[in-house]
Amino acid sequence: MKTLTSHVVVSLAMVLGASGFAGADDRGNDCGLKTLRGTYVFSARGFNIVAGVAQPKAIVEVIDFNGDGTLSVPAATRRLNGVIARSLPGGLGTYTVGDDCTGTIVFDGPTFDIFISPDREAISMIQTNPNTVLQGTATRSSRRRDRD
């Protein structure tokens, strides 16, 4: 039985290794606030629920992460139930990143849970406010280097 268990453990390790699964420790360093540094373009679709009726919603926005838990939004366009709105530059927010590469983003109103890809090039985001169903991906478009 001990030999069978050993073979199962080795086989499982080989399957996980071949599948590209990597934990935070396998990436060379854990995630943190500095993991998100640079510009990402966020695109998402979903719904706002108003009086029990789903109203379609879509957004595309540019998010600049500062590597310190703060962010800014220089541009955004959203469409809610057919009405288009463009935001002026200057939107602000905050974010957290845990060592497991998950975290949160808080704008003035909308909040999101985030999941950072192993290569840190994409962020899966889902809005967590009541009466919303919105999820999408932010893809890195440029990096910001530390000047410290």
Foldseek 3Di string as FASTA:
>chain_A
DVVVVVVVVVVVVVVCVVVVDDFLVRLVFFDWLQLQAAKWWKWKWWFFQDPNDTWIKIKIWIWGRHSPFKIWTCWMWMATNRDIDIDHGDWIWGKTADRRQWIKIDTPPWIWTWHADSVRQKIWIFTDDPRIGMITMIGGDDGDDDPD
